[in-house]
Amino acid sequence: MGTLEGRTALVTGASRGIGLAIARSLVARGARVVVTGRKPDALAEAVTALGGPGVAVGVPGNAGDAEHRAEAVRTAVDTFGSLEVLVGNVGINPVYGPLVDLPLDGFRKILDTNVVGTLGLVQEACGRGWPSTAARCWSSPRWPGSRPRR
């Protein structure tokens, strides 16, 4: 894999699990990362595990909140001077069972976080000049028709 030296990535849902693993991989390749998550304490631990404030900054909040997304993008640009990589790793599923029995309000909550929130993050980043020619957009979980931007 190539180097990401001097580039900045924003990884949502990165206080643990897959998001934290993605952030670790990016840092190992030379990137600086802004990580987001809902729990401030877990996010602070993740920042420490990633190497501290020289390479990682945490922005606690809810991915469904437009102001949180704006703060995360702003933090990347203001702290590290750029934003080249977005990793949309947030995904919720607060209800279980057959789709036919799924309350519509529960489905709206899933769509608002998993789809609308991810699109909102991309739109926020684009409003700040992203993507550069080197940018990539990754989304996990994958959505139909989604591909890395080149």
C-alpha atoms as a PDB file:
ATOM      1  CA  MET A   1       0.000   0.000   0.000  1.00  0.00           C
ATOM      2  CA  GLY A   2       1.113   3.537  -0.720  1.00  0.00           C
ATOM      3  CA  THR A   3       2.002   6.204   1.756  1.00  0.00           C
ATOM      4  CA  LEU A   4      -0.424   8.778   3.079  1.00  0.00           C
ATOM      5  CA  GLU A   5       2.329  10.992   4.477  1.00  0.00           C
ATOM      6  CA  GLY A   6       1.117  14.556   4.916  1.00  0.00           C
ATOM      7  CA  ARG A   7      -2.523  13.713   4.261  1.00  0.00           C
ATOM      8  CA  THR A   8      -5.438  14.004   6.645  1.00  0.00           C
ATOM      9  CA  ALA A   9      -8.288  11.531   7.049  1.00  0.00           C
ATOM     10  CA  LEU A  10     -11.590  11.865   8.865  1.00  0.00           C
ATOM     11  CA  VAL A  11     -12.943   8.558  10.170  1.00  0.00           C
ATOM     12  CA  THR A  12     -16.443   8.440  11.645  1.00  0.00           C
ATOM     13  CA  GLY A  13     -17.360   5.896  14.291  1.00  0.00           C
ATOM     14  CA  ALA A  14     -13.705   5.397  15.167  1.00  0.00           C
ATOM     15  CA  SER A  15     -13.629   5.135  18.946  1.00  0.00           C
ATOM     16  CA  ARG A  16     -13.497   1.320  18.709  1.00  0.00           C
ATOM     17  CA  GLY A  17     -13.939  -1.651  16.410  1.00  0.00           C
ATOM     18  CA  ILE A  18     -13.665  -1.347  12.647  1.00  0.00           C
ATOM     19  CA  GLY A  19     -13.418   2.450  12.695  1.00  0.00           C
ATOM     20  CA  LEU A  20     -10.486   2.405  15.118  1.00  0.00           C
ATOM     21  CA  ALA A  21      -8.787  -0.313  13.062  1.00  0.00           C
ATOM     22  CA  ILE A  22      -9.182   1.810   9.917  1.00  0.00           C
ATOM     23  CA  ALA A  23      -7.752   4.849  11.737  1.00  0.00           C
ATOM     24  CA  ARG A  24      -4.774   2.758  12.960  1.00  0.00           C
ATOM     25  CA  SER A  25      -4.106   1.610   9.407  1.00  0.00           C
ATOM     26  CA  LEU A  26      -4.215   5.176   8.108  1.00  0.00           C
ATOM     27  CA  VAL A  27      -1.824   6.406  10.820  1.00  0.00           C
ATOM     28  CA  ALA A  28       0.520   3.482  10.100  1.00  0.00           C
ATOM     29  CA  ARG A  29       0.620   4.685   6.476  1.00  0.00           C
ATOM     30  CA  GLY A  30       1.551   8.217   7.556  1.00  0.00           C
ATOM     31  CA  ALA A  31      -1.824   9.964   7.706  1.00  0.00           C
ATOM     32  CA  ARG A  32      -3.051  12.279  10.408  1.00  0.00           C
ATOM     33  CA  VAL A  33      -6.580  11.437  11.508  1.00  0.00           C
ATOM     34  CA  VAL A  34      -9.637  13.096  12.941  1.00  0.00           C
ATOM     35  CA  VAL A  35     -11.800  10.467  14.579  1.00  0.00           C
ATOM     36  CA  THR A  36     -15.403  10.779  15.671  1.00  0.00           C
ATOM     37  CA  GLY A  37     -17.588   8.859  18.074  1.00  0.00           C
ATOM     38  CA  ARG A  38     -20.457   9.393  20.486  1.00  0.00           C
ATOM     39  CA  LYS A  39     -18.598   8.630  23.727  1.00  0.00           C
ATOM     40  CA  PRO A  40     -15.958  11.238  24.686  1.00  0.00           C
ATOM     41  CA  ASP A  41     -14.034   8.913  27.042  1.00  0.00           C
ATOM     42  CA  ALA A  42     -13.755   6.121  24.462  1.00  0.00           C
ATOM     43  CA  LEU A  43     -12.738   8.672  21.839  1.00  0.00           C
ATOM     44  CA  ALA A  44      -9.998  10.076  24.111  1.00  0.00           C
ATOM     45  CA  GLU A  45      -8.652   6.542  24.595  1.00  0.00           C
ATOM     46  CA  ALA A  46      -8.670   6.016  20.832  1.00  0.00           C
ATOM     47  CA  VAL A  47      -6.710   9.248  20.252  1.00  0.00           C
ATOM     48  CA  THR A  48      -4.092   8.087  22.764  1.00  0.00           C
ATOM     49  CA  ALA A  49      -3.915   4.634  21.154  1.00  0.00           C
ATOM     50  CA  LEU A  50      -3.407   6.260  17.750  1.00  0.00           C
ATOM     51  CA  GLY A  51      -0.386   8.245  18.941  1.00  0.00           C
ATOM     52  CA  GLY A  52      -1.832  11.359  20.542  1.00  0.00           C
ATOM     53  CA  PRO A  53      -2.580  14.872  19.346  1.00  0.00           C
ATOM     54  CA  GLY A  54       0.340  15.039  16.914  1.00  0.00           C
ATOM     55  CA  VAL A  55      -1.381  12.516  14.652  1.00  0.00           C
ATOM     56  CA  ALA A  56      -4.933  12.150  15.974  1.00  0.00           C
ATOM     57  CA  VAL A  57      -7.718  14.408  17.212  1.00  0.00           C
ATOM     58  CA  GLY A  58     -11.121  13.324  18.479  1.00  0.00           C
ATOM     59  CA  VAL A  59     -14.415  15.113  17.879  1.00  0.00           C
ATOM     60  CA  PRO A  60     -17.188  13.634  20.024  1.00  0.00           C
ATOM     61  CA  GLY A  61     -20.761  13.816  18.790  1.00  0.00           C
ATOM     62  CA  ASN A  62     -23.540  12.200  16.820  1.00  0.00           C
ATOM     63  CA  ALA A  63     -23.028  11.620  13.090  1.00  0.00           C
ATOM     64  CA  GLY A  64     -26.675  12.474  12.497  1.00  0.00           C
ATOM     65  CA  ASP A  65     -26.091  16.020  13.762  1.00  0.00           C
ATOM     66  CA  ALA A  66     -25.165  18.549  11.062  1.00  0.00           C
ATOM     67  CA  GLU A  67     -23.207  20.764  13.476  1.00  0.00           C
ATOM     68  CA  HIS A  68     -21.129  17.773  14.609  1.00  0.00           C
ATOM     69  CA  ARG A  69     -20.267  16.945  10.997  1.00  0.00           C
ATOM     70  CA  ALA A  70     -19.302  20.576  10.376  1.00  0.00           C
ATOM     71  CA  GLU A  71     -17.133  20.591  13.507  1.00  0.00           C
ATOM     72  CA  ALA A  72     -15.376  17.375  12.453  1.00  0.00           C
ATOM     73  CA  VAL A  73     -14.527  18.727   8.983  1.00  0.00           C
ATOM     74  CA  ARG A  74     -13.520  22.111  10.419  1.00  0.00           C
ATOM     75  CA  THR A  75     -11.274  20.379  12.974  1.00  0.00           C
ATOM     76  CA  ALA A  76      -9.461  18.449  10.241  1.00  0.00           C
ATOM     77  CA  VAL A  77      -8.768  21.563   8.189  1.00  0.00           C
ATOM     78  CA  ASP A  78      -7.977  23.846  11.145  1.00  0.00           C
ATOM     79  CA  THR A  79      -5.774  21.322  12.979  1.00  0.00           C
ATOM     80  CA  PHE A  80      -3.922  19.619  10.134  1.00  0.00           C
ATOM     81  CA  GLY A  81      -4.404  22.063   7.262  1.00  0.00           C
ATOM     82  CA  SER A  82      -6.179  19.738   4.879  1.00  0.00           C
ATOM     83  CA  LEU A  83      -8.658  16.914   4.421  1.00  0.00           C
ATOM     84  CA  GLU A  84      -7.985  14.332   1.718  1.00  0.00           C
ATOM     85  CA  VAL A  85      -9.750  11.167   2.935  1.00  0.00           C
ATOM     86  CA  LEU A  86     -13.241  10.565   4.334  1.00  0.00           C
ATOM     87  CA  VAL A  87     -14.171   7.224   5.851  1.00  0.00           C
ATOM     88  CA  GLY A  88     -17.881   6.935   6.634  1.00  0.00           C
ATOM     89  CA  ASN A  89     -17.909   4.113   9.150  1.00  0.00           C
ATOM     90  CA  VAL A  90     -21.010   5.035  11.151  1.00  0.00           C
ATOM     91  CA  GLY A  91     -23.899   2.628  11.027  1.00  0.00           C
ATOM     92  CA  ILE A  92     -26.755   1.935  13.408  1.00  0.00           C
ATOM     93  CA  ASN A  93     -29.454  -0.702  13.610  1.00  0.00           C
ATOM     94  CA  PRO A  94     -31.569   0.026  16.693  1.00  0.00           C
ATOM     95  CA  VAL A  95     -34.342  -2.404  15.748  1.00  0.00           C
ATOM     96  CA  TYR A  96     -34.253  -6.084  14.883  1.00  0.00           C
ATOM     97  CA  GLY A  97     -36.667  -8.471  13.232  1.00  0.00           C
ATOM     98  CA  PRO A  98     -38.510  -8.815   9.949  1.00  0.00           C
ATOM     99  CA  LEU A  99     -38.531  -5.706   7.760  1.00  0.00           C
ATOM    100  CA  VAL A 100     -42.317  -5.925   7.409  1.00  0.00           C
ATOM    101  CA  ASP A 101     -42.595  -5.417  11.205  1.00  0.00           C
ATOM    102  CA  LEU A 102     -40.089  -2.551  11.354  1.00  0.00           C
ATOM    103  CA  PRO A 103     -41.628   0.645  12.736  1.00  0.00           C
ATOM    104  CA  LEU A 104     -41.245   3.444  10.180  1.00  0.00           C
ATOM    105  CA  ASP A 105     -39.761   5.768  12.818  1.00  0.00           C
ATOM    106  CA  GLY A 106     -37.045   3.172  13.477  1.00  0.00           C
ATOM    107  CA  PHE A 107     -36.328   2.920   9.765  1.00  0.00           C
ATOM    108  CA  ARG A 108     -36.135   6.727   9.475  1.00  0.00           C
ATOM    109  CA  LYS A 109     -33.586   6.789  12.293  1.00  0.00           C
ATOM    110  CA  ILE A 110     -31.471   4.194  10.469  1.00  0.00           C
ATOM    111  CA  LEU A 111     -31.660   6.148   7.190  1.00  0.00           C
ATOM    112  CA  ASP A 112     -30.942   9.478   8.878  1.00  0.00           C
ATOM    113  CA  THR A 113     -27.738   8.183  10.453  1.00  0.00           C
ATOM    114  CA  ASN A 114     -26.485   5.656   7.919  1.00  0.00           C
ATOM    115  CA  VAL A 115     -27.389   7.402   4.664  1.00  0.00           C
ATOM    116  CA  VAL A 116     -28.312  11.040   5.247  1.00  0.00           C
ATOM    117  CA  GLY A 117     -25.525  11.527   7.809  1.00  0.00           C
ATOM    118  CA  THR A 118     -22.894  10.095   5.473  1.00  0.00           C
ATOM    119  CA  LEU A 119     -24.086  12.220   2.568  1.00  0.00           C
ATOM    120  CA  GLY A 120     -24.145  15.240   4.879  1.00  0.00           C
ATOM    121  CA  LEU A 121     -20.500  14.603   5.786  1.00  0.00           C
ATOM    122  CA  VAL A 122     -19.505  14.469   2.114  1.00  0.00           C
ATOM    123  CA  GLN A 123     -21.456  17.666   1.420  1.00  0.00           C
ATOM    124  CA  GLU A 124     -19.836  19.417   4.386  1.00  0.00           C
ATOM    125  CA  ALA A 125     -16.373  18.391   3.236  1.00  0.00           C
ATOM    126  CA  CYS A 126     -17.104  19.512  -0.331  1.00  0.00           C
ATOM    127  CA  GLY A 127     -18.171  22.883   1.027  1.00  0.00           C
ATOM    128  CA  ARG A 128     -14.671  23.203   2.528  1.00  0.00           C
ATOM    129  CA  GLY A 129     -12.908  22.430  -0.755  1.00  0.00           C
ATOM    130  CA  TRP A 130     -12.808  18.621  -0.557  1.00  0.00           C
ATOM    131  CA  PRO A 131     -12.069  16.522  -2.516  1.00  0.00           C
ATOM    132  CA  SER A 132      -8.621  17.273  -3.755  1.00  0.00           C
ATOM    133  CA  THR A 133      -7.346  15.342  -6.764  1.00  0.00           C
ATOM    134  CA  ALA A 134      -5.847  12.776  -4.396  1.00  0.00           C
ATOM    135  CA  ALA A 135      -9.023  12.277  -2.363  1.00  0.00           C
ATOM    136  CA  ARG A 136     -10.838   9.025  -1.854  1.00  0.00           C
ATOM    137  CA  CYS A 137     -14.248   8.485  -0.306  1.00  0.00           C
ATOM    138  CA  TRP A 138     -14.828   5.198   1.502  1.00  0.00           C
ATOM    139  CA  SER A 139     -18.093   4.165   3.061  1.00  0.00           C
ATOM    140  CA  SER A 140     -18.586   1.204   5.325  1.00  0.00           C
ATOM    141  CA  PRO A 141     -21.136  -0.314   5.133  1.00  0.00           C
ATOM    142  CA  ARG A 142     -21.290  -0.108   1.344  1.00  0.00           C
ATOM    143  CA  TRP A 143     -24.349   1.441  -0.242  1.00  0.00           C
ATOM    144  CA  PRO A 144     -25.737   0.358  -3.597  1.00  0.00           C
ATOM    145  CA  GLY A 145     -23.982   2.227  -6.370  1.00  0.00           C
ATOM    146  CA  SER A 146     -21.197   3.573  -4.139  1.00  0.00           C
ATOM    147  CA  ARG A 147     -17.640   3.535  -5.451  1.00  0.00           C
ATOM    148  CA  PRO A 148     -14.429   5.190  -4.338  1.00  0.00           C
ATOM    149  CA  ARG A 149     -14.079   8.627  -5.903  1.00  0.00           C
ATOM    150  CA  ARG A 150     -11.000   9.090  -8.015  1.00  0.00           C
END
